[in-house]
């Protein structure tokens, strides 16, 4: 029997392509850090997904949650509704107190959605307005109404993708 040899396909990136990808990824995580309040609230530099996993496990400060709520233009009461927590429970925490893993993960998901939304919509103010506006694609409810679950965040993210592609939504 004759053995068949498979030729391995090789893919190469030119140096300029690779450095552009690295710069784009660095900008992505830098922007995410800004949305979370910058170095005031997130002490470690965010350079990749491993940093986000470590941050989720460690927990973020309540002040990071405050920064995100200010960035989005929503109250802390609204933010607590988006988390698996009561407003009173969030109020009791000191600004330097760490949130648990589930709340931290939710805050990071919301920050990533915010980053994506600003990139698609164009700027922070326009994204905030879009977030509060009732949309036909969401049964005339606002995207904010769906951000209390992971499935809702995914649905709003897909909607942003449709907008980015020019699909009427």
C-alpha atoms as a PDB file:
ATOM      1  CA  UNK A   1       0.000   0.000   0.000  1.00  0.00           C
ATOM      2  CA  UNK A   2       1.051   3.420  -0.772  1.00  0.00           C
ATOM      3  CA  UNK A   3       1.038   5.885   2.066  1.00  0.00           C
ATOM      4  CA  UNK A   4      -0.413   9.225   1.308  1.00  0.00           C
ATOM      5  CA  UNK A   5       1.425  12.159   2.629  1.00  0.00           C
ATOM      6  CA  UNK A   6      -0.544  15.176   3.547  1.00  0.00           C
ATOM      7  CA  UNK A   7       0.974  18.458   2.751  1.00  0.00           C
ATOM      8  CA  UNK A   8       0.609  20.857   5.598  1.00  0.00           C
ATOM      9  CA  UNK A   9      -0.657  24.194   4.580  1.00  0.00           C
ATOM     10  CA  UNK A  10       1.376  26.990   5.977  1.00  0.00           C
ATOM     11  CA  UNK A  11      -0.015  30.374   6.624  1.00  0.00           C
ATOM     12  CA  UNK A  12       2.281  33.226   7.143  1.00  0.00           C
ATOM     13  CA  UNK A  13       1.657  36.732   8.201  1.00  0.00           C
ATOM     14  CA  UNK A  14       3.818  39.484   7.015  1.00  0.00           C
ATOM     15  CA  UNK A  15       5.494  41.441   9.753  1.00  0.00           C
ATOM     16  CA  UNK A  16       3.252  44.453   9.170  1.00  0.00           C
ATOM     17  CA  UNK A  17       0.112  42.276   9.449  1.00  0.00           C
ATOM     18  CA  UNK A  18       1.262  40.742  12.724  1.00  0.00           C
ATOM     19  CA  UNK A  19       2.230  44.053  14.299  1.00  0.00           C
ATOM     20  CA  UNK A  20      -1.092  45.581  13.230  1.00  0.00           C
ATOM     21  CA  UNK A  21      -2.941  42.704  14.925  1.00  0.00           C
ATOM     22  CA  UNK A  22      -0.936  43.184  18.130  1.00  0.00           C
ATOM     23  CA  UNK A  23      -1.588  46.938  18.114  1.00  0.00           C
ATOM     24  CA  UNK A  24      -5.314  46.362  17.546  1.00  0.00           C
ATOM     25  CA  UNK A  25      -5.498  43.891  20.452  1.00  0.00           C
ATOM     26  CA  UNK A  26      -3.564  46.259  22.731  1.00  0.00           C
ATOM     27  CA  UNK A  27      -5.937  49.106  21.863  1.00  0.00           C
ATOM     28  CA  UNK A  28      -8.929  46.838  22.547  1.00  0.00           C
ATOM     29  CA  UNK A  29      -7.791  46.071  26.079  1.00  0.00           C
ATOM     30  CA  UNK A  30      -6.643  49.634  26.730  1.00  0.00           C
ATOM     31  CA  UNK A  31     -10.103  50.934  25.782  1.00  0.00           C
ATOM     32  CA  UNK A  32     -11.710  48.326  28.034  1.00  0.00           C
ATOM     33  CA  UNK A  33      -9.517  49.579  30.888  1.00  0.00           C
ATOM     34  CA  UNK A  34     -10.698  53.149  30.273  1.00  0.00           C
ATOM     35  CA  UNK A  35     -14.352  52.067  30.337  1.00  0.00           C
ATOM     36  CA  UNK A  36     -13.702  50.355  33.676  1.00  0.00           C
ATOM     37  CA  UNK A  37     -12.295  53.545  35.167  1.00  0.00           C
ATOM     38  CA  UNK A  38      -8.642  53.374  34.174  1.00  0.00           C
ATOM     39  CA  UNK A  39      -5.757  52.905  36.575  1.00  0.00           C
ATOM     40  CA  UNK A  40      -7.807  54.457  39.405  1.00  0.00           C
ATOM     41  CA  UNK A  41     -10.001  51.377  39.635  1.00  0.00           C
ATOM     42  CA  UNK A  42      -8.187  48.581  37.767  1.00  0.00           C
ATOM     43  CA  UNK A  43      -4.627  48.378  39.055  1.00  0.00           C
ATOM     44  CA  UNK A  44      -3.325  45.773  36.605  1.00  0.00           C
ATOM     45  CA  UNK A  45      -2.784  46.442  32.919  1.00  0.00           C
ATOM     46  CA  UNK A  46      -5.206  44.564  30.727  1.00  0.00           C
ATOM     47  CA  UNK A  47      -3.273  43.035  27.843  1.00  0.00           C
ATOM     48  CA  UNK A  48      -5.321  39.978  26.944  1.00  0.00           C
ATOM     49  CA  UNK A  49      -7.994  37.481  27.828  1.00  0.00           C
ATOM     50  CA  UNK A  50      -5.798  35.863  30.491  1.00  0.00           C
ATOM     51  CA  UNK A  51      -5.762  39.189  32.348  1.00  0.00           C
ATOM     52  CA  UNK A  52      -9.565  39.355  32.166  1.00  0.00           C
ATOM     53  CA  UNK A  53      -9.828  35.825  33.576  1.00  0.00           C
ATOM     54  CA  UNK A  54      -7.434  36.690  36.411  1.00  0.00           C
ATOM     55  CA  UNK A  55      -9.333  39.906  37.115  1.00  0.00           C
ATOM     56  CA  UNK A  56     -12.639  38.012  37.182  1.00  0.00           C
ATOM     57  CA  UNK A  57     -11.257  35.515  39.685  1.00  0.00           C
ATOM     58  CA  UNK A  58      -9.723  38.239  41.846  1.00  0.00           C
ATOM     59  CA  UNK A  59     -12.737  40.539  41.731  1.00  0.00           C
ATOM     60  CA  UNK A  60     -13.074  44.203  40.867  1.00  0.00           C
ATOM     61  CA  UNK A  61     -13.664  47.069  43.237  1.00  0.00           C
ATOM     62  CA  UNK A  62     -17.084  48.615  43.693  1.00  0.00           C
ATOM     63  CA  UNK A  63     -15.553  51.838  42.359  1.00  0.00           C
ATOM     64  CA  UNK A  64     -15.147  50.069  38.987  1.00  0.00           C
ATOM     65  CA  UNK A  65     -18.887  49.464  38.945  1.00  0.00           C
ATOM     66  CA  UNK A  66     -19.424  53.168  39.682  1.00  0.00           C
ATOM     67  CA  UNK A  67     -17.097  54.107  36.804  1.00  0.00           C
ATOM     68  CA  UNK A  68     -19.004  51.882  34.381  1.00  0.00           C
ATOM     69  CA  UNK A  69     -22.356  53.297  35.483  1.00  0.00           C
ATOM     70  CA  UNK A  70     -21.075  56.854  34.964  1.00  0.00           C
ATOM     71  CA  UNK A  71     -19.610  55.872  31.601  1.00  0.00           C
ATOM     72  CA  UNK A  72     -22.968  54.472  30.501  1.00  0.00           C
ATOM     73  CA  UNK A  73     -24.967  57.300  32.016  1.00  0.00           C
ATOM     74  CA  UNK A  74     -27.062  54.999  34.221  1.00  0.00           C
ATOM     75  CA  UNK A  75     -27.695  55.109  37.944  1.00  0.00           C
ATOM     76  CA  UNK A  76     -26.160  52.706  40.444  1.00  0.00           C
ATOM     77  CA  UNK A  77     -29.683  51.442  41.057  1.00  0.00           C
ATOM     78  CA  UNK A  78     -29.929  50.476  37.378  1.00  0.00           C
ATOM     79  CA  UNK A  79     -26.474  48.882  37.517  1.00  0.00           C
ATOM     80  CA  UNK A  80     -27.449  46.783  40.529  1.00  0.00           C
ATOM     81  CA  UNK A  81     -30.521  45.582  38.591  1.00  0.00           C
ATOM     82  CA  UNK A  82     -28.178  44.352  35.846  1.00  0.00           C
ATOM     83  CA  UNK A  83     -26.126  42.386  38.379  1.00  0.00           C
ATOM     84  CA  UNK A  84     -27.317  39.494  40.465  1.00  0.00           C
ATOM     85  CA  UNK A  85     -27.552  41.827  43.471  1.00  0.00           C
ATOM     86  CA  UNK A  86     -29.852  44.224  45.216  1.00  0.00           C
ATOM     87  CA  UNK A  87     -29.214  47.952  45.184  1.00  0.00           C
ATOM     88  CA  UNK A  88     -28.998  47.939  48.989  1.00  0.00           C
ATOM     89  CA  UNK A  89     -26.337  45.227  48.923  1.00  0.00           C
ATOM     90  CA  UNK A  90     -24.233  47.287  46.494  1.00  0.00           C
ATOM     91  CA  UNK A  91     -24.758  50.439  48.599  1.00  0.00           C
ATOM     92  CA  UNK A  92     -23.370  48.711  51.707  1.00  0.00           C
ATOM     93  CA  UNK A  93     -20.033  47.974  50.064  1.00  0.00           C
ATOM     94  CA  UNK A  94     -17.077  50.336  50.416  1.00  0.00           C
ATOM     95  CA  UNK A  95     -15.600  51.675  47.170  1.00  0.00           C
ATOM     96  CA  UNK A  96     -12.443  49.559  47.649  1.00  0.00           C
ATOM     97  CA  UNK A  97     -14.350  46.376  48.505  1.00  0.00           C
ATOM     98  CA  UNK A  98     -14.137  43.649  45.869  1.00  0.00           C
ATOM     99  CA  UNK A  99     -17.178  42.275  44.090  1.00  0.00           C
ATOM    100  CA  UNK A 100     -17.573  38.508  43.870  1.00  0.00           C
ATOM    101  CA  UNK A 101     -16.719  36.521  40.752  1.00  0.00           C
ATOM    102  CA  UNK A 102     -20.248  36.510  39.290  1.00  0.00           C
ATOM    103  CA  UNK A 103     -20.707  40.264  39.650  1.00  0.00           C
ATOM    104  CA  UNK A 104     -17.201  40.928  38.341  1.00  0.00           C
ATOM    105  CA  UNK A 105     -17.806  38.754  35.305  1.00  0.00           C
ATOM    106  CA  UNK A 106     -21.083  40.556  34.589  1.00  0.00           C
ATOM    107  CA  UNK A 107     -19.396  43.971  34.881  1.00  0.00           C
ATOM    108  CA  UNK A 108     -16.663  42.869  32.462  1.00  0.00           C
ATOM    109  CA  UNK A 109     -19.297  41.570  30.005  1.00  0.00           C
ATOM    110  CA  UNK A 110     -21.116  44.897  30.201  1.00  0.00           C
ATOM    111  CA  UNK A 111     -17.858  46.790  29.691  1.00  0.00           C
ATOM    112  CA  UNK A 112     -17.041  44.658  26.622  1.00  0.00           C
ATOM    113  CA  UNK A 113     -20.537  45.306  25.247  1.00  0.00           C
ATOM    114  CA  UNK A 114     -20.038  49.020  25.876  1.00  0.00           C
ATOM    115  CA  UNK A 115     -16.736  48.936  24.024  1.00  0.00           C
ATOM    116  CA  UNK A 116     -18.336  47.155  21.071  1.00  0.00           C
ATOM    117  CA  UNK A 117     -21.329  49.492  21.086  1.00  0.00           C
ATOM    118  CA  UNK A 118     -19.194  52.610  21.020  1.00  0.00           C
ATOM    119  CA  UNK A 119     -17.176  51.182  18.132  1.00  0.00           C
ATOM    120  CA  UNK A 120     -20.334  50.428  16.137  1.00  0.00           C
ATOM    121  CA  UNK A 121     -22.496  53.441  17.047  1.00  0.00           C
ATOM    122  CA  UNK A 122     -19.674  55.964  16.899  1.00  0.00           C
ATOM    123  CA  UNK A 123     -19.281  57.587  20.308  1.00  0.00           C
ATOM    124  CA  UNK A 124     -20.135  57.250  23.976  1.00  0.00           C
ATOM    125  CA  UNK A 125     -23.079  59.689  23.976  1.00  0.00           C
ATOM    126  CA  UNK A 126     -24.731  58.163  20.901  1.00  0.00           C
ATOM    127  CA  UNK A 127     -24.261  54.646  22.315  1.00  0.00           C
ATOM    128  CA  UNK A 128     -25.835  55.693  25.621  1.00  0.00           C
ATOM    129  CA  UNK A 129     -28.824  57.149  23.759  1.00  0.00           C
ATOM    130  CA  UNK A 130     -29.144  53.968  21.657  1.00  0.00           C
ATOM    131  CA  UNK A 131     -28.967  51.855  24.820  1.00  0.00           C
ATOM    132  CA  UNK A 132     -32.009  53.657  26.266  1.00  0.00           C
ATOM    133  CA  UNK A 133     -34.091  53.876  23.073  1.00  0.00           C
ATOM    134  CA  UNK A 134     -36.922  51.418  22.368  1.00  0.00           C
ATOM    135  CA  UNK A 135     -36.081  49.363  19.271  1.00  0.00           C
ATOM    136  CA  UNK A 136     -38.445  47.419  16.986  1.00  0.00           C
ATOM    137  CA  UNK A 137     -35.917  44.538  16.859  1.00  0.00           C
ATOM    138  CA  UNK A 138     -36.294  44.189  20.635  1.00  0.00           C
ATOM    139  CA  UNK A 139     -40.091  44.228  20.771  1.00  0.00           C
ATOM    140  CA  UNK A 140     -40.004  48.008  21.284  1.00  0.00           C
ATOM    141  CA  UNK A 141     -37.944  47.692  24.441  1.00  0.00           C
ATOM    142  CA  UNK A 142     -34.545  49.269  24.969  1.00  0.00           C
ATOM    143  CA  UNK A 143     -31.310  47.262  24.797  1.00  0.00           C
ATOM    144  CA  UNK A 144     -30.765  48.188  28.469  1.00  0.00           C
ATOM    145  CA  UNK A 145     -33.848  46.135  29.356  1.00  0.00           C
ATOM    146  CA  UNK A 146     -32.062  42.965  28.213  1.00  0.00           C
ATOM    147  CA  UNK A 147     -28.667  43.416  29.850  1.00  0.00           C
ATOM    148  CA  UNK A 148     -29.578  41.633  33.083  1.00  0.00           C
ATOM    149  CA  UNK A 149     -28.879  38.192  31.569  1.00  0.00           C
ATOM    150  CA  UNK A 150     -25.992  36.737  29.573  1.00  0.00           C
ATOM    151  CA  UNK A 151     -28.430  35.741  26.826  1.00  0.00           C
ATOM    152  CA  UNK A 152     -29.683  39.323  26.656  1.00  0.00           C
ATOM    153  CA  UNK A 153     -26.129  40.644  26.396  1.00  0.00           C
ATOM    154  CA  UNK A 154     -25.486  38.180  23.558  1.00  0.00           C
ATOM    155  CA  UNK A 155     -28.687  39.255  21.798  1.00  0.00           C
ATOM    156  CA  UNK A 156     -27.756  42.952  22.038  1.00  0.00           C
ATOM    157  CA  UNK A 157     -24.223  42.149  20.841  1.00  0.00           C
ATOM    158  CA  UNK A 158     -25.667  40.337  17.797  1.00  0.00           C
ATOM    159  CA  UNK A 159     -27.909  43.341  17.156  1.00  0.00           C
ATOM    160  CA  UNK A 160     -24.838  45.581  17.156  1.00  0.00           C
ATOM    161  CA  UNK A 161     -23.238  43.199  14.656  1.00  0.00           C
ATOM    162  CA  UNK A 162     -26.277  43.517  12.406  1.00  0.00           C
ATOM    163  CA  UNK A 163     -26.069  47.309  12.630  1.00  0.00           C
ATOM    164  CA  UNK A 164     -22.372  47.176  11.805  1.00  0.00           C
ATOM    165  CA  UNK A 165     -23.164  45.146   8.666  1.00  0.00           C
ATOM    166  CA  UNK A 166     -25.880  47.614   7.642  1.00  0.00           C
ATOM    167  CA  UNK A 167     -28.793  45.266   8.278  1.00  0.00           C
ATOM    168  CA  UNK A 168     -31.947  47.143   9.262  1.00  0.00           C
ATOM    169  CA  UNK A 169     -32.775  46.248  12.852  1.00  0.00           C
END
